C-alpha cells in the first residue's frame, strides 16, 4: 500500500499512517503492506470477480459523515457488487486521498469501520495507495471475489417470464440523505440505511443456480433493473403496490408526498434486484429465509423493452427521474 505522495496525518507520516491503521487489516497476500503489490492465489476451479467503486466527498457522502460510517460504506458498496454476481468476497484494495491535516482520530475511526465489516464479510485488505487531496476526501475500493468457474450471475441472463425480485426495502437510502440534508424530518433509521448499507453477500451466493440475472440497487430500482433489461434485450413490468417499503419510509412519504418517486428511483439502497423463473419461487423463498433476508416478488420480465411501473389499476405510473446519473 506504499504511496507516492506526502503524509496526510502530520504526526505519523504516510507510512506511519499505513502501519498503524491499515496494516492490521491486511492478510498474508498483502505482504504486510510493505511492497507495492500483492500476491494472490485464486482458489482452484474458480473465476475471479472484480469490482471497483469510488466515493467522493460532496458527491457520494457528506463532509460531516462519521469516518467509521465512511469506512463501512466504502467497503459495503463493493461487497454489494460482488453479491449481485454471486461471488464470495476474498480481497480488497484501498485508495485513499485525504486533505492535509486530517486528524489521526478520523483515520482510526475510518479503519475501524473497515475492520468491522471486513470481519463479518470475510474479505481482507491486501494493498492500495494513500495520497494527499487538494479538494475533499476521495475513497476508492477495488474488491475481488470468487465464483465457481462459469457460475457468475450476469445482468444479461434475464428471460421472458422471469419473476423480478428485490431484497429488503426500497427508498431508504435516498430518504436518509434527504433527512441528513434537513429536507425531510430527521429519522435515525433512514440515515443509518444511507450511511451503513447492508450488502447481501450470503444471499447473492445462495442465488447461484437460481437467478438468471441480478444487479445491485445503487442508482435506483428502475435504473438498475433497466441495466438488466438492456443487457438482456428485454423489458419488465413492475407493480407499484408490491414494492417493499419500510415503515419509516412510508411515514416520510406520507408527510412529504413529493418524495414518493424516490422509492423506485432513489439510489443508495444497495439491495439486490434479480430475476428467476417461476419454478424457483419456493426455493428462493427458502434460501432467503435461511439467510434472514426479506425477498419480495415485484413484477415480471417481458419481451417488450423498457421498464414499466403500473398502479393497482394497471395504469402507468409517471416515473420521472429513473435514477441517479453521474454525468
Protein backbone atom coordinates (compact mmCIF):
# COMPACT_ATOMS: atom_id res chain seq x y z
CA UNK A 1 0.00 0.00 0.00
CA UNK A 2 3.02 2.21 -0.34
CA UNK A 3 2.15 5.54 -1.94
CA UNK A 4 3.84 8.31 -3.85
CA UNK A 5 2.83 11.48 -2.00
CA UNK A 6 3.35 13.13 1.33
CA UNK A 7 1.70 12.40 4.63
CA UNK A 8 -1.93 13.06 5.45
CA UNK A 9 -1.59 12.53 9.19
CA UNK A 10 1.09 15.06 10.08
CA UNK A 11 2.09 13.23 13.26
CA UNK A 12 2.59 9.83 11.65
CA UNK A 13 3.62 10.41 8.07
CA UNK A 14 2.29 8.37 5.20
CA UNK A 15 3.96 5.09 6.11
CA UNK A 16 3.17 5.54 9.77
CA UNK A 17 -0.47 6.01 8.76
CA UNK A 18 -0.38 2.75 6.83
CA UNK A 19 1.45 0.83 9.56
CA UNK A 20 -0.84 1.97 12.38
CA UNK A 21 -4.28 1.88 10.79
CA UNK A 22 -4.23 -0.31 7.69
CA UNK A 23 -1.51 -2.96 8.10
CA UNK A 24 -3.57 -4.59 10.91
CA UNK A 25 -6.35 -5.12 8.37
CA UNK A 26 -4.12 -6.90 5.85
CA UNK A 27 -3.94 -10.59 5.04
CA UNK A 28 -0.78 -12.52 4.13
CA UNK A 29 -1.34 -11.96 0.42
CA UNK A 30 -0.84 -8.25 1.07
CA UNK A 31 2.78 -8.92 2.10
CA UNK A 32 2.35 -6.82 5.22
CA UNK A 33 1.62 -3.77 3.03
CA UNK A 34 5.42 -3.39 2.74
CA UNK A 35 5.52 -3.94 -1.04
CA UNK A 36 3.90 -2.04 -3.91
CA UNK A 37 1.96 -5.17 -4.87
CA UNK A 38 0.04 -8.12 -3.50
CA UNK A 39 0.40 -11.81 -4.38
CA UNK A 40 -2.95 -13.58 -4.75
CA UNK A 41 -3.58 -17.26 -5.43
CA UNK A 42 -7.12 -17.93 -6.71
CA UNK A 43 -8.91 -20.97 -5.35
CA UNK A 44 -8.75 -23.84 -7.82
CA UNK A 45 -11.82 -24.14 -10.05
CA UNK A 46 -12.99 -20.56 -9.52
CA UNK A 47 -13.29 -17.40 -11.56
CA UNK A 48 -12.29 -14.03 -10.11
CA UNK A 49 -14.94 -11.30 -9.99
CA UNK A 50 -13.55 -7.78 -9.60
CA UNK A 51 -15.46 -4.62 -8.73
CA UNK A 52 -14.34 -1.02 -8.22
CA UNK A 53 -16.22 1.90 -6.71
CA UNK A 54 -15.20 5.42 -5.75
CA UNK A 55 -16.74 7.67 -3.12
CA UNK A 56 -16.15 11.41 -3.36
CA UNK A 57 -16.89 13.93 -0.64
CA UNK A 58 -19.81 16.12 -1.70
CA UNK A 59 -20.94 13.60 -4.34
CA UNK A 60 -21.35 10.26 -2.56
CA UNK A 61 -21.20 11.38 1.06
CA UNK A 62 -21.46 14.48 3.20
CA UNK A 63 -18.40 16.17 4.64
CA UNK A 64 -19.59 15.63 8.21
CA UNK A 65 -20.45 11.95 7.83
CA UNK A 66 -18.76 9.93 10.60
CA UNK A 67 -15.48 8.40 9.50
CA UNK A 68 -16.43 4.91 10.66
CA UNK A 69 -19.57 5.01 8.52
CA UNK A 70 -17.44 6.01 5.51
CA UNK A 71 -15.18 3.02 6.06
CA UNK A 72 -18.24 0.78 6.25
CA UNK A 73 -19.92 2.26 3.18
CA UNK A 74 -16.79 2.28 1.01
CA UNK A 75 -16.44 -1.45 1.53
CA UNK A 76 -20.17 -2.23 1.54
CA UNK A 77 -20.87 -0.80 -1.91
CA UNK A 78 -18.23 -3.08 -3.40
CA UNK A 79 -19.46 -6.10 -1.47
CA UNK A 80 -22.89 -5.34 -2.90
CA UNK A 81 -21.48 -5.52 -6.44
CA UNK A 82 -19.91 -8.89 -5.66
CA UNK A 83 -23.18 -10.13 -4.15
CA UNK A 84 -25.01 -9.34 -7.38
CA UNK A 85 -22.58 -11.65 -9.18
CA UNK A 86 -22.95 -14.49 -6.69
CA UNK A 87 -19.33 -14.07 -5.63
CA UNK A 88 -17.76 -14.88 -2.27
CA UNK A 89 -15.73 -11.84 -1.08
CA UNK A 90 -11.98 -12.51 -0.78
CA UNK A 91 -9.73 -9.47 -1.12
CA UNK A 92 -9.89 -5.69 -1.43
CA UNK A 93 -7.57 -2.81 -2.23
CA UNK A 94 -7.95 0.69 -0.82
CA UNK A 95 -7.10 4.01 -2.42
CA UNK A 96 -7.42 6.93 -0.02
CA UNK A 97 -6.86 10.64 -0.71
CA UNK A 98 -7.08 12.91 2.34
CA UNK A 99 -6.67 16.65 2.79
CA UNK A 100 -3.57 17.67 4.71
CA UNK A 101 -4.17 17.90 8.42
CA UNK A 102 -6.74 15.11 8.55
CA UNK A 103 -6.63 14.14 12.24
CA UNK A 104 -5.44 10.77 13.48
CA UNK A 105 -8.78 10.05 15.14
CA UNK A 106 -10.52 10.31 11.73
CA UNK A 107 -8.13 7.69 10.33
CA UNK A 108 -8.63 5.44 13.35
CA UNK A 109 -12.42 5.60 13.04
CA UNK A 110 -12.30 5.03 9.27
CA UNK A 111 -10.13 1.94 9.75
CA UNK A 112 -12.48 0.69 12.48
CA UNK A 113 -15.41 0.95 10.06
CA UNK A 114 -13.49 -1.11 7.52
CA UNK A 115 -12.45 -3.64 10.15
CA UNK A 116 -15.97 -4.24 11.43
CA UNK A 117 -17.45 -5.03 8.02
CA UNK A 118 -14.32 -6.87 6.94
CA UNK A 119 -14.68 -9.27 9.85
CA UNK A 120 -18.34 -10.02 9.17
CA UNK A 121 -17.88 -10.46 5.41
CA UNK A 122 -14.65 -12.45 5.31
CA UNK A 123 -12.90 -10.05 2.94
CA UNK A 124 -9.33 -8.90 3.70
CA UNK A 125 -7.32 -5.80 2.78
CA UNK A 126 -4.37 -6.66 0.52
CA UNK A 127 -2.95 -3.30 -0.57
CA UNK A 128 -3.66 0.07 -2.11
CA UNK A 129 -2.36 3.62 -2.04
CA UNK A 130 -2.59 6.80 0.01
CA UNK A 131 -2.14 10.31 -1.27
CA UNK A 132 -2.86 13.94 -0.48
CA UNK A 133 -6.05 15.59 -1.71
CA UNK A 134 -6.45 19.26 -2.55
CA UNK A 135 -10.25 19.08 -2.54
CA UNK A 136 -12.04 16.80 -0.09
CA UNK A 137 -11.81 13.12 0.71
CA UNK A 138 -11.68 10.52 -2.07
CA UNK A 139 -12.08 6.81 -1.27
CA UNK A 140 -11.54 4.12 -3.90
CA UNK A 141 -12.01 0.41 -3.22
CA UNK A 142 -11.36 -2.48 -5.57
CA UNK A 143 -12.87 -5.74 -4.36
CA UNK A 144 -12.13 -9.27 -5.55
CA UNK A 145 -14.47 -12.22 -5.13
CA UNK A 146 -14.64 -15.79 -6.37
CA UNK A 147 -17.34 -17.88 -8.03
CA UNK A 148 -17.15 -21.48 -9.26
CA UNK A 149 -15.96 -21.39 -12.85
CA UNK A 150 -18.82 -20.34 -15.13
CA UNK A 151 -21.26 -19.67 -12.28
CA UNK A 152 -21.23 -15.86 -12.27
CA UNK A 153 -24.69 -14.25 -12.30
CA UNK A 154 -24.77 -11.74 -15.15
CA UNK A 155 -27.04 -8.83 -15.92
CA UNK A 156 -27.59 -10.24 -19.38
CA UNK A 157 -29.26 -13.52 -18.35
CA UNK A 158 -32.88 -12.42 -17.82
CA UNK A 159 -35.52 -14.42 -19.72
CA UNK A 160 -39.10 -13.67 -20.74
CA UNK A 161 -41.43 -14.85 -17.98
CA UNK A 162 -38.87 -14.47 -15.20
CA UNK A 163 -40.12 -13.10 -11.92
CA UNK A 164 -38.47 -9.89 -10.73
CA UNK A 165 -37.44 -9.79 -7.06
CA UNK A 166 -35.86 -7.28 -4.70
CA UNK A 167 -34.28 -7.78 -1.30
CA UNK A 168 -35.03 -5.64 1.73
CA UNK A 169 -36.88 -2.36 1.33
CA UNK A 170 -36.63 0.43 -1.24
CA UNK A 171 -36.03 4.16 -0.97
CA UNK A 172 -34.50 4.19 2.50
CA UNK A 173 -31.06 5.34 1.35
CA UNK A 174 -32.29 8.28 -0.73
CA UNK A 175 -34.70 9.36 2.01
CA UNK A 176 -31.92 9.04 4.57
CA UNK A 177 -29.83 11.51 2.58
CA UNK A 178 -32.74 13.96 2.49
CA UNK A 179 -33.07 13.55 6.23
CA UNK A 180 -29.40 14.38 6.77
CA UNK A 181 -29.76 17.40 4.50
CA UNK A 182 -32.70 18.68 6.55
CA UNK A 183 -35.10 18.41 3.60
CA UNK A 184 -37.39 15.98 5.45
CA UNK A 185 -37.79 15.21 9.14
CA UNK A 186 -34.83 13.62 10.91
CA UNK A 187 -35.05 9.84 11.06
CA UNK A 188 -32.25 7.76 12.57
CA UNK A 189 -33.28 4.56 10.79
CA UNK A 190 -33.25 6.17 7.35
CA UNK A 191 -29.96 7.99 7.91
CA UNK A 192 -28.34 4.78 9.11
CA UNK A 193 -29.58 2.98 6.00
CA UNK A 194 -27.92 5.71 3.91
CA UNK A 195 -24.65 5.66 5.84
CA UNK A 196 -24.39 1.93 6.57
CA UNK A 197 -25.94 -0.15 3.79
CA UNK A 198 -26.10 -3.92 4.29
CA UNK A 199 -24.56 -5.87 1.41
CA UNK A 200 -26.49 -9.07 0.68
CA UNK A 201 -23.37 -11.19 0.25
CA UNK A 202 -24.63 -14.52 1.59
CA UNK A 203 -27.90 -14.34 -0.33
CA UNK A 204 -26.03 -13.45 -3.52
CA UNK A 205 -24.05 -16.68 -3.18
CA UNK A 206 -27.27 -18.60 -2.40
CA UNK A 207 -28.84 -17.34 -5.63
CA UNK A 208 -26.28 -19.09 -7.82
CA UNK A 209 -28.11 -21.64 -9.93
CA UNK A 210 -31.48 -19.97 -9.26
CA UNK A 211 -31.25 -16.38 -10.52
CA UNK A 212 -30.96 -15.78 -14.25
CA UNK A 213 -29.73 -12.21 -13.73
CA UNK A 214 -29.00 -9.73 -10.96
CA UNK A 215 -27.78 -6.22 -10.16
CA UNK A 216 -27.37 -4.23 -7.00
CA UNK A 217 -29.55 -1.17 -6.48
CA UNK A 218 -27.10 1.71 -6.31
CA UNK A 219 -28.75 4.18 -8.70
CA UNK A 220 -32.41 3.28 -8.08
CA UNK A 221 -34.67 0.30 -8.81
CA UNK A 222 -35.89 1.46 -12.23
CA UNK A 223 -32.39 2.39 -13.39
CA UNK A 224 -30.69 -0.77 -12.17
CA UNK A 225 -33.41 -3.12 -13.39
CA UNK A 226 -33.14 -1.13 -16.60
CA UNK A 227 -29.49 -2.19 -16.84
CA UNK A 228 -30.57 -5.84 -16.59
CA UNK A 229 -33.25 -5.37 -19.23
CA UNK A 230 -30.93 -3.52 -21.59
CA UNK A 231 -28.20 -6.14 -21.25
CA UNK A 232 -30.77 -8.91 -21.81
CA UNK A 233 -32.55 -7.18 -24.70
CA UNK A 234 -35.87 -7.37 -22.81
CA UNK A 235 -38.19 -5.29 -20.61
CA UNK A 236 -40.11 -5.57 -17.37
CA UNK A 237 -43.42 -4.64 -15.79
CA UNK A 238 -43.46 -3.90 -12.07
CA UNK A 239 -46.43 -3.50 -9.73
CA UNK A 240 -46.22 -0.38 -7.60
CA UNK A 241 -48.34 -1.93 -4.86
CA UNK A 242 -45.81 -4.75 -4.41
CA UNK A 243 -42.74 -2.57 -3.84
CA UNK A 244 -41.45 -3.22 -0.28
CA UNK A 245 -41.28 -0.01 1.74
CA UNK A 246 -40.17 0.34 5.36
CA UNK A 247 -42.49 1.88 7.95
CA UNK A 248 -40.07 4.79 8.27
CA UNK A 249 -40.07 5.44 4.52
CA UNK A 250 -43.86 5.20 4.45
CA UNK A 251 -44.05 7.84 7.17
CA UNK A 252 -41.65 10.12 5.30
CA UNK A 253 -43.69 9.80 2.09
CA UNK A 254 -46.96 10.42 3.95
CA UNK A 255 -45.52 13.67 5.30
CA UNK A 256 -43.82 14.64 2.02
CA UNK A 257 -45.74 13.13 -0.94
CA UNK A 258 -43.37 14.74 -3.46
CA UNK A 259 -40.58 12.36 -2.42
CA UNK A 260 -42.57 9.21 -3.23
CA UNK A 261 -40.76 8.58 -6.56
CA UNK A 262 -37.55 8.04 -4.56
CA UNK A 263 -38.96 4.64 -3.60
CA UNK A 264 -38.29 3.42 -7.14
CA UNK A 265 -35.79 5.99 -8.42
CA UNK A 266 -33.63 6.81 -5.38
CA UNK A 267 -30.14 5.40 -5.12
CA UNK A 268 -28.00 4.19 -2.19
CA UNK A 269 -30.17 1.24 -1.15
CA UNK A 270 -27.58 -1.41 -2.15
CA UNK A 271 -30.24 -4.09 -2.18
CA UNK A 272 -30.35 -6.71 -4.92
CA UNK A 273 -32.77 -6.81 -7.84
CA UNK A 274 -32.76 -10.18 -9.59
CA UNK A 275 -34.80 -12.33 -11.95
CA UNK A 276 -35.60 -16.03 -11.78
CA UNK A 277 -38.09 -18.46 -13.37
CA UNK A 278 -41.43 -19.00 -11.59
CA UNK A 279 -40.47 -22.63 -10.95
CA UNK A 280 -37.86 -21.37 -8.48
CA UNK A 281 -40.25 -19.43 -6.23
CA UNK A 282 -40.33 -21.93 -3.37
CA UNK A 283 -36.57 -22.48 -3.40
CA UNK A 284 -35.85 -18.74 -3.49
CA UNK A 285 -38.17 -18.19 -0.54
CA UNK A 286 -36.45 -21.00 1.38
CA UNK A 287 -32.95 -19.71 0.73
CA UNK A 288 -33.95 -16.14 1.61
CA UNK A 289 -35.39 -17.37 4.91
CA UNK A 290 -32.21 -19.30 5.60
CA UNK A 291 -30.20 -16.11 5.18
CA UNK A 292 -32.62 -13.96 7.16
CA UNK A 293 -33.22 -11.64 4.20
CA UNK A 294 -36.63 -10.42 3.09
CA UNK A 295 -37.23 -11.04 -0.62
CA UNK A 296 -40.25 -9.65 -2.49
CA UNK A 297 -41.55 -10.57 -5.93
CA UNK A 298 -42.49 -7.29 -7.63
CA UNK A 299 -43.05 -7.99 -11.33
CA UNK A 300 -42.11 -9.94 -14.42
CA UNK A 301 -39.71 -9.82 -17.35
CA UNK A 302 -41.39 -9.23 -20.73
CA UNK A 303 -40.35 -9.16 -24.36
CA UNK A 304 -41.37 -5.50 -24.72
CA UNK A 305 -38.32 -3.39 -23.97
CA UNK A 306 -38.22 -0.82 -21.18
CA UNK A 307 -39.20 -0.89 -17.51
CA UNK A 308 -42.84 -0.07 -16.74
CA UNK A 309 -44.23 0.61 -13.27
CA UNK A 310 -48.02 0.27 -13.03
CA UNK A 311 -50.50 1.17 -10.29
CA UNK A 312 -53.18 -1.23 -8.94
CA UNK A 313 -55.46 -0.23 -11.82
CA UNK A 314 -52.86 -1.17 -14.39
CA UNK A 315 -52.11 2.45 -15.29
CA UNK A 316 -48.55 3.50 -15.99
CA UNK A 317 -47.02 5.44 -13.11
CA UNK A 318 -45.23 8.63 -14.13
CA UNK A 319 -41.70 7.60 -13.29
CA UNK A 320 -39.96 10.97 -13.64
CA UNK A 321 -36.25 10.61 -12.99
CA UNK A 322 -35.32 6.96 -13.49
CA UNK A 323 -32.32 7.00 -11.17
CA UNK A 324 -29.10 8.71 -10.19
CA UNK A 325 -26.94 9.94 -13.08
CA UNK A 326 -23.25 10.69 -12.53
CA UNK A 327 -22.92 12.85 -15.65
